[in-house]
Amino acid sequence: MKLKGRNFLRILDFTPDEISYLLDLASELKAKKKAGIPHDIHRGKNIALIFEKTSTRTRCSFEVAAYDLGMNVTYLDPAASQMGKKESIADTARVLGRLYDGIEYRGYGQEIVEGLAKHAGVPVWNGLTNESHPTQILADFLTIKEKFGRLSGIKLVYMGDARYNMGNSLMAGCAKMGMDFTACAPEAYFPDAALVAECRKIAETTGASIKLETDVEKAVKGADIIYTDIWVSMGEPAEIWEKRLKELYPYRVNENVMTLAGENAVFMHCLPAYHDLNTSVSREIGERYGINSLEVADEVFEGTQSIVFDEAENRMHTIKAVMAATL
């Protein structure tokens, strides 16, 4: 599988065979790391990490993966880059492409990472945009394969706000890999209709299914995976909380949801999660609205069906595979 020089911007840009190859490569690199076998195949190369949105998992995953591959890393936070302020995206891309072997971008609109890729001349990797989160999907799928031994035929139910990067990317990934995807949410929180149509067209060739459902019990019964994400993204105003809480609280993942799914079902979350009151944001919301958790109950998050930290670790292994293959 020849992926050298490819960008990694959307899961939709890759074929099922290419996705399978990246997952197999991630498994191989993970095994080598666990066994202490060096795999610094890109020694001496340099990458830039552009973070307009900060993140614990994404930054650490890219940095550790890069170091394991023998590379050097430059981290640019929002204050350290003039991209889009004093310098255009195109000009920034052309400068960084002369200095670095690869560029990661995590931030806002998909058009930004697409612009970087158009002008950089080196591989560009999407660490997250408003519309897409492809590195997370690879981590999720590696975790699912480790748990169930396959992807094809797995039933994944995404609970809550399915309009943005995680709902979009999970739906696209499931369509590509022959999985059954259900978005369980109020109708106003369903994914974009055009993207749903595109994914359903792909599903016709892979044996996948794409469903949109408002009824929780109907959606989750017999599911293999219950997946959710936070209800308000970074950068959105605090005033949104009250509206989201009112509309999405019936779709939170609690013990009843997991019981309906069945004892063999697992719970997944891309993190961070508001499952208790141990963060300043969750305490503020808890005090204001009288609740002790948001999108997932603490009993589920900390329960035996939760595999969220296997999933978090696999961010590093799959990101490493993407960089190894495209460089």
Protein backbone atom coordinates (compact mmCIF):
# COMPACT_ATOMS: atom_id res chain seq x y z
CA MET A 1 0.00 0.00 0.00
CA LYS A 2 1.67 3.20 -1.17
CA LEU A 3 0.51 6.23 0.81
CA LYS A 4 3.74 8.24 0.72
CA GLY A 5 3.02 11.91 0.16
CA ARG A 6 -0.72 11.61 0.88
CA ASN A 7 -2.58 14.06 3.09
CA PHE A 8 -4.85 12.75 5.85
CA LEU A 9 -7.73 15.22 5.91
CA ARG A 10 -10.97 13.17 5.94
CA ILE A 11 -11.79 9.51 6.41
CA LEU A 12 -13.87 9.81 3.23
CA ASP A 13 -10.67 10.37 1.22
CA PHE A 14 -9.47 6.81 1.87
CA THR A 15 -10.66 3.47 0.54
CA PRO A 16 -11.62 0.58 2.85
CA ASP A 17 -8.38 -1.18 1.87
CA GLU A 18 -6.32 1.88 2.73
CA ILE A 19 -8.06 2.26 6.09
CA SER A 20 -7.50 -1.43 6.82
CA TYR A 21 -3.83 -1.04 5.92
CA LEU A 22 -3.41 1.88 8.35
CA LEU A 23 -5.11 -0.12 11.11
CA ASP A 24 -2.88 -3.13 10.47
CA LEU A 25 0.19 -0.90 10.47
CA ALA A 26 -0.96 0.68 13.75
CA SER A 27 -1.32 -2.80 15.29
CA GLU A 28 2.19 -3.70 14.11
CA LEU A 29 3.72 -0.51 15.49
CA LYS A 30 1.82 -0.90 18.76
CA ALA A 31 3.18 -4.43 19.18
CA LYS A 32 6.71 -3.20 18.53
CA LYS A 33 6.36 -0.44 21.11
CA LYS A 34 5.00 -2.87 23.72
CA ALA A 35 7.91 -5.21 23.02
CA GLY A 36 10.48 -2.43 23.19
CA ILE A 37 11.48 -2.86 19.55
CA PRO A 38 12.80 0.41 18.04
CA HIS A 39 10.95 1.67 14.97
CA ASP A 40 12.57 5.05 14.33
CA ILE A 41 12.12 4.76 10.58
CA HIS A 42 11.90 8.53 10.04
CA ARG A 43 14.96 9.57 12.02
CA GLY A 44 16.01 13.14 11.29
CA LYS A 45 12.71 14.29 9.82
CA ASN A 46 10.88 17.28 11.26
CA ILE A 47 7.17 17.99 11.70
CA ALA A 48 5.16 21.05 12.75
CA LEU A 49 2.06 20.82 14.94
CA ILE A 50 -0.31 23.78 14.51
CA PHE A 51 -2.88 23.95 17.32
CA GLU A 52 -5.54 26.65 17.08
CA LYS A 53 -7.54 24.47 19.49
CA THR A 54 -5.56 22.99 22.37
CA SER A 55 -5.79 19.29 23.24
CA THR A 56 -4.11 16.94 25.69
CA ARG A 57 -4.56 13.70 23.71
CA THR A 58 -3.89 15.02 20.23
CA ARG A 59 -0.71 16.90 21.11
CA CYS A 60 0.73 14.11 23.25
CA SER A 61 -0.20 11.46 20.69
CA PHE A 62 1.49 13.30 17.82
CA GLU A 63 4.57 14.15 19.88
CA VAL A 64 5.16 10.67 21.32
CA ALA A 65 4.45 9.06 17.94
CA ALA A 66 6.91 11.41 16.26
CA TYR A 67 9.62 10.76 18.84
CA ASP A 68 9.14 7.00 18.49
CA LEU A 69 9.60 7.38 14.72
CA GLY A 70 12.82 9.33 15.31
CA MET A 71 11.45 12.75 14.34
CA ASN A 72 11.77 16.25 15.76
CA VAL A 73 8.67 18.30 16.62
CA THR A 74 7.82 22.00 16.67
CA TYR A 75 4.60 22.86 18.51
CA LEU A 76 2.80 26.06 17.52
CA ASP A 77 -0.03 27.15 19.83
CA PRO A 78 -2.53 29.92 18.96
CA ALA A 79 -0.14 32.61 20.20
CA ALA A 80 2.87 31.21 18.36
CA SER A 81 1.54 31.30 14.81
CA GLN A 82 0.56 34.25 12.63
CA MET A 83 -1.46 32.04 10.29
CA GLY A 84 -4.64 33.80 9.21
CA LYS A 85 -3.68 36.94 11.15
CA LYS A 86 -0.53 38.52 9.73
CA GLU A 87 0.10 35.78 7.18
CA SER A 88 -2.32 33.95 4.91
CA ILE A 89 -2.91 30.21 5.15
CA ALA A 90 -1.38 29.76 1.70
CA ASP A 91 1.78 31.69 2.60
CA THR A 92 2.12 29.90 5.94
CA ALA A 93 1.79 26.54 4.19
CA ARG A 94 4.45 27.40 1.62
CA VAL A 95 6.89 28.53 4.31
CA LEU A 96 6.35 25.54 6.59
CA GLY A 97 6.47 23.16 3.65
CA ARG A 98 10.03 24.38 2.94
CA LEU A 99 11.09 23.76 6.55
CA TYR A 100 9.20 20.63 7.60
CA ASP A 101 8.52 17.14 6.28
CA GLY A 102 4.92 17.10 7.53
CA ILE A 103 2.35 19.40 9.13
CA GLU A 104 -0.47 18.69 11.57
CA TYR A 105 -3.36 21.12 11.99
CA ARG A 106 -5.97 21.17 14.76
CA GLY A 107 -8.48 23.98 14.77
CA TYR A 108 -11.63 25.30 13.18
CA GLY A 109 -12.95 25.12 9.61
CA GLN A 110 -12.11 22.21 7.32
CA GLU A 111 -11.21 24.76 4.64
CA ILE A 112 -8.16 25.74 6.70
CA VAL A 113 -6.56 22.30 6.73
CA GLU A 114 -7.56 21.87 3.08
CA GLY A 115 -5.80 25.16 2.29
CA LEU A 116 -2.66 24.05 4.09
CA ALA A 117 -2.67 20.78 2.16
CA LYS A 118 -3.14 22.57 -1.17
CA HIS A 119 -0.05 24.75 -0.74
CA ALA A 120 2.35 22.96 1.63
CA GLY A 121 3.88 20.40 -0.75
CA VAL A 122 4.32 17.97 2.17
CA PRO A 123 1.80 15.68 3.91
CA VAL A 124 -0.76 17.51 6.05
CA TRP A 125 -2.66 15.67 8.80
CA ASN A 126 -5.99 16.75 10.27
CA GLY A 127 -5.84 16.64 14.08
CA LEU A 128 -9.44 17.97 14.26
CA THR A 129 -11.61 20.50 12.48
CA ASN A 130 -15.22 21.48 13.07
CA GLU A 131 -16.29 19.08 10.35
CA SER A 132 -13.88 16.16 10.59
CA HIS A 133 -11.76 14.16 13.05
CA PRO A 134 -10.14 11.35 11.05
CA THR A 135 -7.32 10.44 13.45
CA GLN A 136 -9.90 9.78 16.17
CA ILE A 137 -11.81 7.43 13.86
CA LEU A 138 -8.72 5.33 13.22
CA ALA A 139 -8.15 5.08 16.97
CA ASP A 140 -11.78 4.09 17.50
CA PHE A 141 -11.66 1.44 14.79
CA LEU A 142 -8.41 -0.05 16.09
CA THR A 143 -10.03 -0.28 19.54
CA ILE A 144 -13.15 -1.92 18.09
CA LYS A 145 -11.05 -4.47 16.17
CA GLU A 146 -9.13 -5.31 19.33
CA LYS A 147 -12.37 -5.80 21.24
CA PHE A 148 -14.53 -7.61 18.66
CA GLY A 149 -12.01 -8.96 16.18
CA ARG A 150 -13.70 -7.25 13.24
CA LEU A 151 -15.35 -4.09 11.97
CA SER A 152 -17.79 -5.42 9.37
CA GLY A 153 -21.28 -5.86 10.77
CA ILE A 154 -20.56 -4.07 14.05
CA LYS A 155 -23.48 -1.92 15.20
CA LEU A 156 -22.39 1.50 16.47
CA VAL A 157 -24.88 3.97 17.96
CA TYR A 158 -23.79 7.58 18.32
CA MET A 159 -25.81 9.40 21.02
CA GLY A 160 -26.30 13.17 21.19
CA ASP A 161 -25.18 15.94 18.85
CA ALA A 162 -24.31 14.20 15.56
CA ARG A 163 -23.93 17.35 13.42
CA TYR A 164 -20.21 17.94 13.72
CA ASN A 165 -16.81 16.27 13.48
CA MET A 166 -17.39 13.08 15.48
CA GLY A 167 -20.87 12.29 14.16
CA ASN A 168 -19.73 13.09 10.61
CA SER A 169 -16.52 11.07 10.77
CA LEU A 170 -17.95 8.05 12.55
CA MET A 171 -20.77 7.86 10.02
CA ALA A 172 -18.31 8.11 7.13
CA GLY A 173 -15.97 5.55 8.67
CA CYS A 174 -18.77 3.09 9.34
CA ALA A 175 -19.98 3.47 5.74
CA LYS A 176 -16.48 2.75 4.45
CA MET A 177 -15.92 -0.32 6.64
CA GLY A 178 -19.28 -2.08 6.33
CA MET A 179 -20.58 -1.19 9.79
CA ASP A 180 -24.09 -0.32 10.97
CA PHE A 181 -24.22 3.31 12.08
CA THR A 182 -27.14 4.93 13.91
CA ALA A 183 -27.28 8.56 14.95
CA CYS A 184 -29.63 8.74 17.95
CA ALA A 185 -30.62 12.35 18.58
CA PRO A 186 -33.37 14.92 18.15
CA GLU A 187 -33.94 15.57 14.45
CA ALA A 188 -32.31 19.01 14.71
CA TYR A 189 -29.07 17.27 15.72
CA PHE A 190 -28.90 14.79 12.84
CA PRO A 191 -25.89 14.97 10.48
CA ASP A 192 -26.04 17.07 7.31
CA ALA A 193 -28.46 15.56 4.80
CA ALA A 194 -25.98 15.73 1.92
CA LEU A 195 -23.35 13.86 3.92
CA VAL A 196 -25.92 11.25 4.97
CA ALA A 197 -26.79 10.71 1.31
CA GLU A 198 -23.11 10.38 0.38
CA CYS A 199 -22.50 7.85 3.15
CA ARG A 200 -25.59 5.84 2.21
CA LYS A 201 -24.29 5.64 -1.36
CA ILE A 202 -20.97 4.29 -0.06
CA ALA A 203 -22.85 1.89 2.22
CA GLU A 204 -24.52 0.31 -0.81
CA THR A 205 -21.11 -0.97 -1.91
CA THR A 206 -19.79 -2.08 1.49
CA GLY A 207 -22.80 -3.66 3.18
CA ALA A 208 -23.01 -0.88 5.78
CA SER A 209 -26.20 0.80 6.95
CA ILE A 210 -26.84 4.41 7.96
CA LYS A 211 -29.83 5.14 10.21
CA LEU A 212 -31.18 8.26 11.92
CA GLU A 213 -33.33 7.64 14.99
CA THR A 214 -34.99 9.78 17.66
CA ASP A 215 -36.18 6.88 19.84
CA VAL A 216 -33.45 5.87 22.30
CA GLU A 217 -34.76 2.40 23.11
CA LYS A 218 -35.20 1.50 19.46
CA ALA A 219 -31.76 2.82 18.52
CA VAL A 220 -29.63 1.20 21.21
CA LYS A 221 -31.23 -2.23 21.51
CA GLY A 222 -28.67 -4.85 20.57
CA ALA A 223 -25.90 -2.32 19.84
CA ASP A 224 -22.27 -3.42 20.04
CA ILE A 225 -21.01 0.09 20.75
CA ILE A 226 -22.59 3.08 22.44
CA TYR A 227 -20.63 6.22 21.58
CA THR A 228 -21.04 9.81 22.71
CA ASP A 229 -19.17 13.11 22.86
CA ILE A 230 -19.46 16.43 24.70
CA TRP A 231 -22.47 18.56 23.80
CA VAL A 232 -20.76 21.96 23.50
CA SER A 233 -17.49 22.33 21.60
CA MET A 234 -14.55 24.58 22.34
CA GLY A 235 -15.20 28.15 21.32
CA GLU A 236 -18.99 28.02 21.56
CA PRO A 237 -20.63 30.53 23.96
CA ALA A 238 -21.79 29.48 27.42
CA GLU A 239 -25.35 30.52 26.61
CA ILE A 240 -25.68 27.44 24.40
CA TRP A 241 -25.52 25.12 27.43
CA GLU A 242 -29.12 25.63 28.58
CA LYS A 243 -30.58 24.87 25.16
CA ARG A 244 -28.34 21.84 24.61
CA LEU A 245 -29.07 20.44 28.06
CA LYS A 246 -32.80 20.67 27.56
CA GLU A 247 -32.75 19.02 24.15
CA LEU A 248 -29.97 16.45 24.59
CA TYR A 249 -30.35 15.31 28.21
CA PRO A 250 -32.80 12.54 27.21
CA TYR A 251 -29.97 11.18 25.01
CA ARG A 252 -27.29 10.94 27.69
CA VAL A 253 -25.68 7.54 28.14
CA ASN A 254 -26.78 6.06 31.47
CA GLU A 255 -27.01 2.56 32.89
CA ASN A 256 -30.43 2.04 31.31
CA VAL A 257 -28.97 2.69 27.84
CA MET A 258 -26.19 0.17 28.43
CA THR A 259 -28.68 -2.40 29.74
CA LEU A 260 -30.80 -1.97 26.62
CA ALA A 261 -27.73 -2.41 24.46
CA GLY A 262 -26.81 -5.63 26.23
CA GLU A 263 -24.06 -7.00 28.43
CA ASN A 264 -21.63 -7.46 25.53
CA ALA A 265 -21.89 -3.82 24.43
CA VAL A 266 -19.06 -1.38 25.12
CA PHE A 267 -19.03 2.34 25.81
CA MET A 268 -16.75 4.70 23.87
CA HIS A 269 -16.01 8.42 24.13
CA CYS A 270 -13.32 10.51 22.39
CA LEU A 271 -12.71 12.57 25.57
CA PRO A 272 -12.72 14.83 27.47
CA ALA A 273 -15.93 13.69 29.14
CA TYR A 274 -18.20 15.45 31.62
CA HIS A 275 -19.01 12.34 33.68
CA ASP A 276 -18.55 13.89 37.13
CA LEU A 277 -17.97 17.25 38.84
CA ASN A 278 -14.18 17.08 38.93
CA THR A 279 -13.50 19.85 36.42
CA SER A 280 -14.17 23.59 36.69
CA VAL A 281 -16.53 23.48 33.68
CA SER A 282 -18.58 20.54 34.96
CA ARG A 283 -18.80 22.07 38.46
CA GLU A 284 -20.10 25.32 37.02
CA ILE A 285 -22.73 23.49 34.96
CA GLY A 286 -23.61 21.23 37.88
CA GLU A 287 -24.17 24.15 40.22
CA ARG A 288 -26.20 26.06 37.64
CA TYR A 289 -28.46 23.21 36.56
CA GLY A 290 -28.40 20.79 39.49
CA ILE A 291 -26.90 17.80 37.65
CA ASN A 292 -23.84 15.67 38.41
CA SER A 293 -22.93 14.58 34.88
CA LEU A 294 -23.71 15.47 31.28
CA GLU A 295 -23.42 13.27 28.19
CA VAL A 296 -22.50 10.14 30.17
CA ALA A 297 -23.24 8.98 33.72
CA ASP A 298 -20.21 8.34 35.90
CA GLU A 299 -21.37 4.76 36.51
CA VAL A 300 -21.07 4.06 32.79
CA PHE A 301 -17.82 5.95 32.24
CA GLU A 302 -16.14 4.12 35.13
CA GLY A 303 -18.00 0.84 34.55
CA THR A 304 -16.78 -2.49 33.20
CA GLN A 305 -18.22 -1.82 29.72
CA SER A 306 -16.18 1.36 29.25
CA ILE A 307 -13.12 1.13 26.97
CA VAL A 308 -12.43 4.86 26.73
CA PHE A 309 -8.81 4.66 27.90
CA ASP A 310 -7.92 1.86 25.47
CA GLU A 311 -9.37 4.19 22.84
CA ALA A 312 -7.32 7.16 24.13
CA GLU A 313 -4.07 5.18 24.02
CA ASN A 314 -4.77 4.06 20.48
CA ARG A 315 -4.74 7.69 19.29
CA MET A 316 -0.96 7.53 19.51
CA HIS A 317 -0.59 4.21 17.71
CA THR A 318 -2.87 5.14 14.81
CA ILE A 319 -1.39 8.64 14.43
CA LYS A 320 2.01 6.98 14.29
CA ALA A 321 0.77 4.73 11.50
CA VAL A 322 -0.54 7.71 9.51
CA MET A 323 2.76 9.57 9.80
CA ALA A 324 4.85 6.47 9.11
CA ALA A 325 2.86 5.64 5.97
CA THR A 326 2.54 9.12 4.49
CA LEU A 327 6.16 10.15 5.08
